[in-house]
C-alpha cells in the first residue's frame, strides 16, 4: 500500500513512516522541507500521485485564531488534490475532547479541520489522541519562573508519542472509519500533580503551585480532555516513560 504522510518529518509523522515501512508499506514522508506546502498546494499533486492513503499530520504554526484559517485552507487543498488523485482514504490526527473546549482557538481550529474532512469527498478516518508526554516540559515552561511553576488542576490523560504514532499507522492501513477513533493514556492526572511528578523525575527543585487560572489548560472545563467511551488505552505509562526519557 502506498501511503503519503504529510507532516512526515515531525514527532508523530516520522514514527508513523517508520512503523508503516517496517510493515512493508510504501510510506513516503512529505513536508515543507521536501517541497510540499499544504497552504499553497505546491508539490501536493506529486506527493499524492498513486497514493492509496494520505495521512495529514501537519500542524498550524500558531495556536491563536490564525490556526482556523490554516486548518481550513490546508484541508481544502488536501481534499481537492486527493480526490483528483483518486486517493481512497484520508486520515487526520486530532485531539480528544477538542469540541468541548471552545475557549481555546487551537482546539476550535482542530474541530474545524475535522468538519472539513467529514464534509469532503474522500473516505476518511479521524484519530483523536490525548496530550503527548513529550509536551510536558513545554507546558511547564509556560507559567514558570526560577522558583515556581504555576499549573491548574485540569485533569489530563496523556500518552506517549510512540503510542499515538502506532494508533495512526493502524488506522491508516485499515478501511476508512467514516468516524473517529479515540486513543488515550493509561492514567489520569491533575495537571499540577503531573508537574510535580515531572519535576521530581528531572531532579528539578522548583515548587508547583496550584493555580486554576494559569496557562492554556486553565480554559479547559472539568474533565473535557478525558476520554469518555469507545477509547483505545495506550500501553505506556507516564512514570515508566519518564524513567527512560
C-alpha atoms as a PDB file:
ATOM      1  CA  UNK A   1       0.000   0.000   0.000  1.00  0.00           C
ATOM      2  CA  UNK A   2       1.342   3.451  -0.904  1.00  0.00           C
ATOM      3  CA  UNK A   3       0.793   5.953   1.909  1.00  0.00           C
ATOM      4  CA  UNK A   4       1.645   9.643   1.694  1.00  0.00           C
ATOM      5  CA  UNK A   5       2.387  11.060   5.148  1.00  0.00           C
ATOM      6  CA  UNK A   6       2.069  14.843   5.105  1.00  0.00           C
ATOM      7  CA  UNK A   7       3.996  16.212   8.056  1.00  0.00           C
ATOM      8  CA  UNK A   8       6.012  13.024   7.848  1.00  0.00           C
ATOM      9  CA  UNK A   9       9.213  14.501   9.264  1.00  0.00           C
ATOM     10  CA  UNK A  10       7.766  15.629  12.613  1.00  0.00           C
ATOM     11  CA  UNK A  11       7.463  13.998  16.030  1.00  0.00           C
ATOM     12  CA  UNK A  12       4.500  11.786  15.112  1.00  0.00           C
ATOM     13  CA  UNK A  13       4.946  11.652  11.344  1.00  0.00           C
ATOM     14  CA  UNK A  14       8.490  10.299  11.376  1.00  0.00           C
ATOM     15  CA  UNK A  15       7.404   7.470  13.679  1.00  0.00           C
ATOM     16  CA  UNK A  16       4.324   6.714  11.564  1.00  0.00           C
ATOM     17  CA  UNK A  17       6.531   6.402   8.481  1.00  0.00           C
ATOM     18  CA  UNK A  18       8.924   4.081  10.315  1.00  0.00           C
ATOM     19  CA  UNK A  19       6.074   1.841  11.547  1.00  0.00           C
ATOM     20  CA  UNK A  20       4.468   1.641   8.106  1.00  0.00           C
ATOM     21  CA  UNK A  21       7.739   0.863   6.347  1.00  0.00           C
ATOM     22  CA  UNK A  22       8.512  -1.868   8.873  1.00  0.00           C
ATOM     23  CA  UNK A  23       5.155  -3.418   7.995  1.00  0.00           C
ATOM     24  CA  UNK A  24       6.090  -3.472   4.310  1.00  0.00           C
ATOM     25  CA  UNK A  25       4.154  -0.448   3.082  1.00  0.00           C
ATOM     26  CA  UNK A  26       5.458   2.234   0.738  1.00  0.00           C
ATOM     27  CA  UNK A  27       5.233   5.117   3.211  1.00  0.00           C
ATOM     28  CA  UNK A  28       6.603   8.414   1.924  1.00  0.00           C
ATOM     29  CA  UNK A  29       7.190  11.411   4.218  1.00  0.00           C
ATOM     30  CA  UNK A  30       6.271  14.844   2.876  1.00  0.00           C
ATOM     31  CA  UNK A  31       6.776  18.266   4.450  1.00  0.00           C
ATOM     32  CA  UNK A  32       7.855  21.804   3.622  1.00  0.00           C
ATOM     33  CA  UNK A  33      11.430  20.522   3.693  1.00  0.00           C
ATOM     34  CA  UNK A  34      10.615  18.047   0.907  1.00  0.00           C
ATOM     35  CA  UNK A  35       8.814  20.643  -1.234  1.00  0.00           C
ATOM     36  CA  UNK A  36       5.203  20.048  -0.194  1.00  0.00           C
ATOM     37  CA  UNK A  37       3.256  23.074   1.063  1.00  0.00           C
ATOM     38  CA  UNK A  38      -0.356  22.395   2.048  1.00  0.00           C
ATOM     39  CA  UNK A  39      -1.139  26.107   2.318  1.00  0.00           C
ATOM     40  CA  UNK A  40      -0.284  26.814  -1.317  1.00  0.00           C
ATOM     41  CA  UNK A  41      -0.733  23.308  -2.704  1.00  0.00           C
ATOM     42  CA  UNK A  42       2.820  23.329  -4.038  1.00  0.00           C
ATOM     43  CA  UNK A  43       4.125  19.800  -4.548  1.00  0.00           C
ATOM     44  CA  UNK A  44       0.871  18.203  -3.421  1.00  0.00           C
ATOM     45  CA  UNK A  45      -0.171  16.589  -6.741  1.00  0.00           C
ATOM     46  CA  UNK A  46       3.219  14.906  -6.993  1.00  0.00           C
ATOM     47  CA  UNK A  47       3.062  13.764  -3.353  1.00  0.00           C
ATOM     48  CA  UNK A  48      -0.352  12.135  -3.802  1.00  0.00           C
ATOM     49  CA  UNK A  49       0.252  10.582  -7.212  1.00  0.00           C
ATOM     50  CA  UNK A  50      -0.512   6.877  -6.940  1.00  0.00           C
ATOM     51  CA  UNK A  51      -1.212   7.055  -3.202  1.00  0.00           C
ATOM     52  CA  UNK A  52      -3.829   4.770  -1.682  1.00  0.00           C
ATOM     53  CA  UNK A  53      -3.914   6.691   1.591  1.00  0.00           C
ATOM     54  CA  UNK A  54      -2.940  10.177   2.744  1.00  0.00           C
ATOM     55  CA  UNK A  55      -2.205  10.877   6.401  1.00  0.00           C
ATOM     56  CA  UNK A  56      -2.310  14.544   7.382  1.00  0.00           C
ATOM     57  CA  UNK A  57      -0.156  15.344  10.418  1.00  0.00           C
ATOM     58  CA  UNK A  58       0.680  18.946   9.601  1.00  0.00           C
ATOM     59  CA  UNK A  59       0.336  21.479  12.378  1.00  0.00           C
ATOM     60  CA  UNK A  60      -0.503  25.146  12.478  1.00  0.00           C
ATOM     61  CA  UNK A  61       2.498  27.418  13.085  1.00  0.00           C
ATOM     62  CA  UNK A  62       0.459  29.331  15.686  1.00  0.00           C
ATOM     63  CA  UNK A  63      -2.065  28.452  18.397  1.00  0.00           C
ATOM     64  CA  UNK A  64      -4.153  31.622  18.041  1.00  0.00           C
ATOM     65  CA  UNK A  65      -7.173  32.281  15.843  1.00  0.00           C
ATOM     66  CA  UNK A  66      -4.945  32.246  12.737  1.00  0.00           C
ATOM     67  CA  UNK A  67      -4.930  28.463  13.157  1.00  0.00           C
ATOM     68  CA  UNK A  68      -8.564  28.417  11.984  1.00  0.00           C
ATOM     69  CA  UNK A  69      -7.620  29.696   8.541  1.00  0.00           C
ATOM     70  CA  UNK A  70      -4.606  27.399   8.435  1.00  0.00           C
ATOM     71  CA  UNK A  71      -6.589  24.210   9.014  1.00  0.00           C
ATOM     72  CA  UNK A  72      -9.440  25.284   6.732  1.00  0.00           C
ATOM     73  CA  UNK A  73      -7.154  26.103   3.811  1.00  0.00           C
ATOM     74  CA  UNK A  74      -4.860  23.114   4.187  1.00  0.00           C
ATOM     75  CA  UNK A  75      -7.726  20.637   4.429  1.00  0.00           C
ATOM     76  CA  UNK A  76      -9.494  22.175   1.437  1.00  0.00           C
ATOM     77  CA  UNK A  77      -6.300  21.902  -0.618  1.00  0.00           C
ATOM     78  CA  UNK A  78      -5.564  18.371   0.523  1.00  0.00           C
ATOM     79  CA  UNK A  79      -9.041  17.027  -0.178  1.00  0.00           C
ATOM     80  CA  UNK A  80      -9.250  18.658  -3.595  1.00  0.00           C
ATOM     81  CA  UNK A  81      -5.965  17.128  -4.740  1.00  0.00           C
ATOM     82  CA  UNK A  82      -6.668  13.795  -3.025  1.00  0.00           C
ATOM     83  CA  UNK A  83      -9.945  13.454  -4.898  1.00  0.00           C
ATOM     84  CA  UNK A  84      -8.251  14.296  -8.187  1.00  0.00           C
ATOM     85  CA  UNK A  85      -5.529  11.725  -7.476  1.00  0.00           C
ATOM     86  CA  UNK A  86      -8.035   9.005  -6.601  1.00  0.00           C
ATOM     87  CA  UNK A  87      -6.844   8.618  -3.025  1.00  0.00           C
ATOM     88  CA  UNK A  88      -9.197   6.244  -1.218  1.00  0.00           C
ATOM     89  CA  UNK A  89      -8.599   7.151   2.421  1.00  0.00           C
ATOM     90  CA  UNK A  90      -7.669  10.377   4.255  1.00  0.00           C
ATOM     91  CA  UNK A  91      -6.528  10.213   7.895  1.00  0.00           C
ATOM     92  CA  UNK A  92      -6.216  13.179  10.258  1.00  0.00           C
ATOM     93  CA  UNK A  93      -4.857  13.359  13.809  1.00  0.00           C
ATOM     94  CA  UNK A  94      -6.919  15.480  16.202  1.00  0.00           C
ATOM     95  CA  UNK A  95      -7.440  15.924  19.961  1.00  0.00           C
ATOM     96  CA  UNK A  96      -9.680  14.072  22.412  1.00  0.00           C
ATOM     97  CA  UNK A  97     -12.313  16.485  23.692  1.00  0.00           C
ATOM     98  CA  UNK A  98     -11.412  19.284  21.276  1.00  0.00           C
ATOM     99  CA  UNK A  99     -15.092  20.053  20.715  1.00  0.00           C
ATOM    100  CA  UNK A 100     -15.580  20.522  24.466  1.00  0.00           C
ATOM    101  CA  UNK A 101     -13.113  23.412  24.734  1.00  0.00           C
ATOM    102  CA  UNK A 102     -14.432  26.297  22.611  1.00  0.00           C
ATOM    103  CA  UNK A 103     -12.408  28.756  24.679  1.00  0.00           C
ATOM    104  CA  UNK A 104      -9.173  27.630  23.024  1.00  0.00           C
ATOM    105  CA  UNK A 105      -8.653  28.876  19.447  1.00  0.00           C
ATOM    106  CA  UNK A 106      -6.419  25.960  18.506  1.00  0.00           C
ATOM    107  CA  UNK A 107      -8.938  23.380  19.681  1.00  0.00           C
ATOM    108  CA  UNK A 108     -11.712  25.118  17.739  1.00  0.00           C
ATOM    109  CA  UNK A 109      -9.436  25.025  14.715  1.00  0.00           C
ATOM    110  CA  UNK A 110      -8.904  21.280  15.067  1.00  0.00           C
ATOM    111  CA  UNK A 111     -12.681  20.768  15.207  1.00  0.00           C
ATOM    112  CA  UNK A 112     -12.988  22.854  12.039  1.00  0.00           C
ATOM    113  CA  UNK A 113     -10.379  20.641  10.392  1.00  0.00           C
ATOM    114  CA  UNK A 114     -12.417  17.569  11.347  1.00  0.00           C
ATOM    115  CA  UNK A 115     -15.603  19.131   9.974  1.00  0.00           C
ATOM    116  CA  UNK A 116     -13.974  19.966   6.643  1.00  0.00           C
ATOM    117  CA  UNK A 117     -12.741  16.393   6.380  1.00  0.00           C
ATOM    118  CA  UNK A 118     -16.160  14.925   7.241  1.00  0.00           C
ATOM    119  CA  UNK A 119     -17.876  17.077   4.610  1.00  0.00           C
ATOM    120  CA  UNK A 120     -15.283  16.336   1.951  1.00  0.00           C
ATOM    121  CA  UNK A 121     -15.274  13.908  -0.986  1.00  0.00           C
ATOM    122  CA  UNK A 122     -12.679  11.419   0.313  1.00  0.00           C
ATOM    123  CA  UNK A 123     -13.445   8.486   2.655  1.00  0.00           C
ATOM    124  CA  UNK A 124     -11.909   9.414   5.988  1.00  0.00           C
ATOM    125  CA  UNK A 125     -10.761   8.458   9.461  1.00  0.00           C
ATOM    126  CA  UNK A 126     -10.080  10.740  12.423  1.00  0.00           C
ATOM    127  CA  UNK A 127      -7.732   9.692  15.212  1.00  0.00           C
ATOM    128  CA  UNK A 128      -8.276  11.751  18.357  1.00  0.00           C
ATOM    129  CA  UNK A 129      -5.431  11.479  20.866  1.00  0.00           C
ATOM    130  CA  UNK A 130      -4.866  12.966  24.301  1.00  0.00           C
ATOM    131  CA  UNK A 131      -1.890  15.229  25.113  1.00  0.00           C
ATOM    132  CA  UNK A 132       1.599  13.863  24.483  1.00  0.00           C
ATOM    133  CA  UNK A 133       4.112  13.057  27.238  1.00  0.00           C
ATOM    134  CA  UNK A 134       6.735  14.823  25.130  1.00  0.00           C
ATOM    135  CA  UNK A 135       4.989  18.191  25.503  1.00  0.00           C
ATOM    136  CA  UNK A 136       5.073  18.251  29.299  1.00  0.00           C
ATOM    137  CA  UNK A 137       8.294  20.247  29.552  1.00  0.00           C
ATOM    138  CA  UNK A 138       6.830  22.913  27.271  1.00  0.00           C
ATOM    139  CA  UNK A 139       3.648  23.059  29.364  1.00  0.00           C
ATOM    140  CA  UNK A 140       5.735  23.589  32.496  1.00  0.00           C
ATOM    141  CA  UNK A 141       7.661  26.422  30.840  1.00  0.00           C
ATOM    142  CA  UNK A 142       4.564  28.495  30.072  1.00  0.00           C
ATOM    143  CA  UNK A 143       3.983  29.611  33.658  1.00  0.00           C
ATOM    144  CA  UNK A 144       7.362  29.046  35.302  1.00  0.00           C
ATOM    145  CA  UNK A 145       9.999  31.218  36.906  1.00  0.00           C
ATOM    146  CA  UNK A 146      13.200  30.335  38.744  1.00  0.00           C
ATOM    147  CA  UNK A 147      11.407  29.117  41.855  1.00  0.00           C
ATOM    148  CA  UNK A 148       7.866  28.052  40.975  1.00  0.00           C
ATOM    149  CA  UNK A 149       5.711  26.524  38.269  1.00  0.00           C
ATOM    150  CA  UNK A 150       2.048  27.539  38.360  1.00  0.00           C
ATOM    151  CA  UNK A 151      -0.339  24.920  36.997  1.00  0.00           C
ATOM    152  CA  UNK A 152      -4.099  24.367  37.085  1.00  0.00           C
ATOM    153  CA  UNK A 153      -5.579  21.124  38.411  1.00  0.00           C
ATOM    154  CA  UNK A 154      -7.090  20.321  34.998  1.00  0.00           C
ATOM    155  CA  UNK A 155      -7.366  16.536  34.534  1.00  0.00           C
ATOM    156  CA  UNK A 156      -5.285  15.145  31.666  1.00  0.00           C
ATOM    157  CA  UNK A 157      -4.824  11.618  30.322  1.00  0.00           C
ATOM    158  CA  UNK A 158      -1.512  11.916  28.472  1.00  0.00           C
ATOM    159  CA  UNK A 159       0.109   9.332  26.235  1.00  0.00           C
ATOM    160  CA  UNK A 160       3.434   8.671  24.543  1.00  0.00           C
ATOM    161  CA  UNK A 161       4.012   9.958  21.020  1.00  0.00           C
ATOM    162  CA  UNK A 162       5.082   6.446  20.045  1.00  0.00           C
ATOM    163  CA  UNK A 163       1.653   5.126  21.036  1.00  0.00           C
ATOM    164  CA  UNK A 164      -0.047   7.921  19.080  1.00  0.00           C
ATOM    165  CA  UNK A 165       2.007   7.023  16.020  1.00  0.00           C
ATOM    166  CA  UNK A 166       1.058   3.359  16.343  1.00  0.00           C
ATOM    167  CA  UNK A 167      -2.636   4.254  16.532  1.00  0.00           C
ATOM    168  CA  UNK A 168      -2.381   6.467  13.438  1.00  0.00           C
ATOM    169  CA  UNK A 169      -0.493   3.808  11.485  1.00  0.00           C
ATOM    170  CA  UNK A 170      -3.028   1.126  12.420  1.00  0.00           C
ATOM    171  CA  UNK A 171      -5.925   3.272  11.212  1.00  0.00           C
ATOM    172  CA  UNK A 172      -4.109   4.238   8.006  1.00  0.00           C
ATOM    173  CA  UNK A 173      -3.790   0.654   6.795  1.00  0.00           C
ATOM    174  CA  UNK A 174      -7.372  -0.307   7.652  1.00  0.00           C
ATOM    175  CA  UNK A 175     -10.623   0.570   5.914  1.00  0.00           C
ATOM    176  CA  UNK A 176     -11.843   4.169   6.401  1.00  0.00           C
ATOM    177  CA  UNK A 177     -13.718   4.538   9.671  1.00  0.00           C
ATOM    178  CA  UNK A 178     -16.072   7.227   8.427  1.00  0.00           C
ATOM    179  CA  UNK A 179     -15.760   8.399  12.020  1.00  0.00           C
ATOM    180  CA  UNK A 180     -13.377   8.787  14.938  1.00  0.00           C
ATOM    181  CA  UNK A 181     -11.095   6.536  16.968  1.00  0.00           C
ATOM    182  CA  UNK A 182     -10.165   7.879  20.412  1.00  0.00           C
ATOM    183  CA  UNK A 183      -6.826   6.925  21.962  1.00  0.00           C
ATOM    184  CA  UNK A 184      -5.637   7.903  25.435  1.00  0.00           C
ATOM    185  CA  UNK A 185      -3.061   7.203  28.104  1.00  0.00           C
ATOM    186  CA  UNK A 186      -3.484   4.624  30.838  1.00  0.00           C
ATOM    187  CA  UNK A 187      -3.663   7.129  33.710  1.00  0.00           C
ATOM    188  CA  UNK A 188      -5.483  10.354  34.521  1.00  0.00           C
ATOM    189  CA  UNK A 189      -3.548  13.064  36.383  1.00  0.00           C
ATOM    190  CA  UNK A 190      -4.445  16.567  37.540  1.00  0.00           C
ATOM    191  CA  UNK A 191      -2.008  18.768  35.637  1.00  0.00           C
ATOM    192  CA  UNK A 192      -0.477  20.184  38.817  1.00  0.00           C
ATOM    193  CA  UNK A 193       0.265  16.658  40.054  1.00  0.00           C
ATOM    194  CA  UNK A 194       1.704  15.786  36.660  1.00  0.00           C
ATOM    195  CA  UNK A 195       4.000  18.777  37.048  1.00  0.00           C
ATOM    196  CA  UNK A 196       5.207  17.600  40.442  1.00  0.00           C
ATOM    197  CA  UNK A 197       5.883  14.099  39.130  1.00  0.00           C
ATOM    198  CA  UNK A 198       7.826  15.524  36.185  1.00  0.00           C
ATOM    199  CA  UNK A 199       9.956  17.921  38.234  1.00  0.00           C
ATOM    200  CA  UNK A 200      10.796  15.208  40.761  1.00  0.00           C
ATOM    201  CA  UNK A 201      11.907  12.851  37.985  1.00  0.00           C
ATOM    202  CA  UNK A 202      14.074  15.600  36.498  1.00  0.00           C
ATOM    203  CA  UNK A 203      15.647  16.484  39.856  1.00  0.00           C
ATOM    204  CA  UNK A 204      14.140  19.967  39.491  1.00  0.00           C
ATOM    205  CA  UNK A 205      13.710  21.629  42.908  1.00  0.00           C
ATOM    206  CA  UNK A 206      11.097  24.184  41.825  1.00  0.00           C
ATOM    207  CA  UNK A 207       7.747  24.127  43.561  1.00  0.00           C
ATOM    208  CA  UNK A 208       4.484  23.523  41.717  1.00  0.00           C
ATOM    209  CA  UNK A 209       1.799  25.967  42.833  1.00  0.00           C
ATOM    210  CA  UNK A 210      -1.783  25.051  42.023  1.00  0.00           C
ATOM    211  CA  UNK A 211      -3.313  27.972  40.137  1.00  0.00           C
ATOM    212  CA  UNK A 212      -6.511  27.296  38.231  1.00  0.00           C
ATOM    213  CA  UNK A 213      -6.048  30.485  36.206  1.00  0.00           C
ATOM    214  CA  UNK A 214      -2.551  29.636  34.925  1.00  0.00           C
ATOM    215  CA  UNK A 215      -1.685  28.686  31.381  1.00  0.00           C
ATOM    216  CA  UNK A 216      -3.607  27.405  28.393  1.00  0.00           C
ATOM    217  CA  UNK A 217      -5.228  24.463  30.152  1.00  0.00           C
ATOM    218  CA  UNK A 218      -6.941  26.791  32.628  1.00  0.00           C
ATOM    219  CA  UNK A 219      -9.558  27.309  29.909  1.00  0.00           C
ATOM    220  CA  UNK A 220     -10.498  23.613  29.901  1.00  0.00           C
ATOM    221  CA  UNK A 221     -13.808  22.945  31.670  1.00  0.00           C
ATOM    222  CA  UNK A 222     -13.969  19.984  34.040  1.00  0.00           C
ATOM    223  CA  UNK A 223     -12.756  16.701  32.571  1.00  0.00           C
ATOM    224  CA  UNK A 224     -13.289  17.762  28.943  1.00  0.00           C
ATOM    225  CA  UNK A 225      -9.953  16.295  27.818  1.00  0.00           C
ATOM    226  CA  UNK A 226     -10.514  12.872  29.371  1.00  0.00           C
ATOM    227  CA  UNK A 227     -11.608  10.073  27.049  1.00  0.00           C
ATOM    228  CA  UNK A 228     -15.149   9.044  27.993  1.00  0.00           C
ATOM    229  CA  UNK A 229     -16.024   5.945  25.949  1.00  0.00           C
ATOM    230  CA  UNK A 230     -15.019   3.853  22.943  1.00  0.00           C
ATOM    231  CA  UNK A 231     -11.369   4.560  23.684  1.00  0.00           C
ATOM    232  CA  UNK A 232      -8.229   2.580  22.971  1.00  0.00           C
ATOM    233  CA  UNK A 233      -5.955   2.780  26.025  1.00  0.00           C
ATOM    234  CA  UNK A 234      -2.253   3.039  25.185  1.00  0.00           C
ATOM    235  CA  UNK A 235       0.208   0.731  26.958  1.00  0.00           C
ATOM    236  CA  UNK A 236       2.904   3.221  28.008  1.00  0.00           C
ATOM    237  CA  UNK A 237       2.565   4.763  31.480  1.00  0.00           C
ATOM    238  CA  UNK A 238       3.942   8.209  32.236  1.00  0.00           C
ATOM    239  CA  UNK A 239       6.194   7.250  35.150  1.00  0.00           C
ATOM    240  CA  UNK A 240       7.706   4.411  33.109  1.00  0.00           C
ATOM    241  CA  UNK A 241       8.274   6.748  30.177  1.00  0.00           C
ATOM    242  CA  UNK A 242       9.901   9.357  32.436  1.00  0.00           C
ATOM    243  CA  UNK A 243      12.334   6.759  33.731  1.00  0.00           C
ATOM    244  CA  UNK A 244      13.706   6.204  30.229  1.00  0.00           C
ATOM    245  CA  UNK A 245      13.195   9.627  28.608  1.00  0.00           C
END
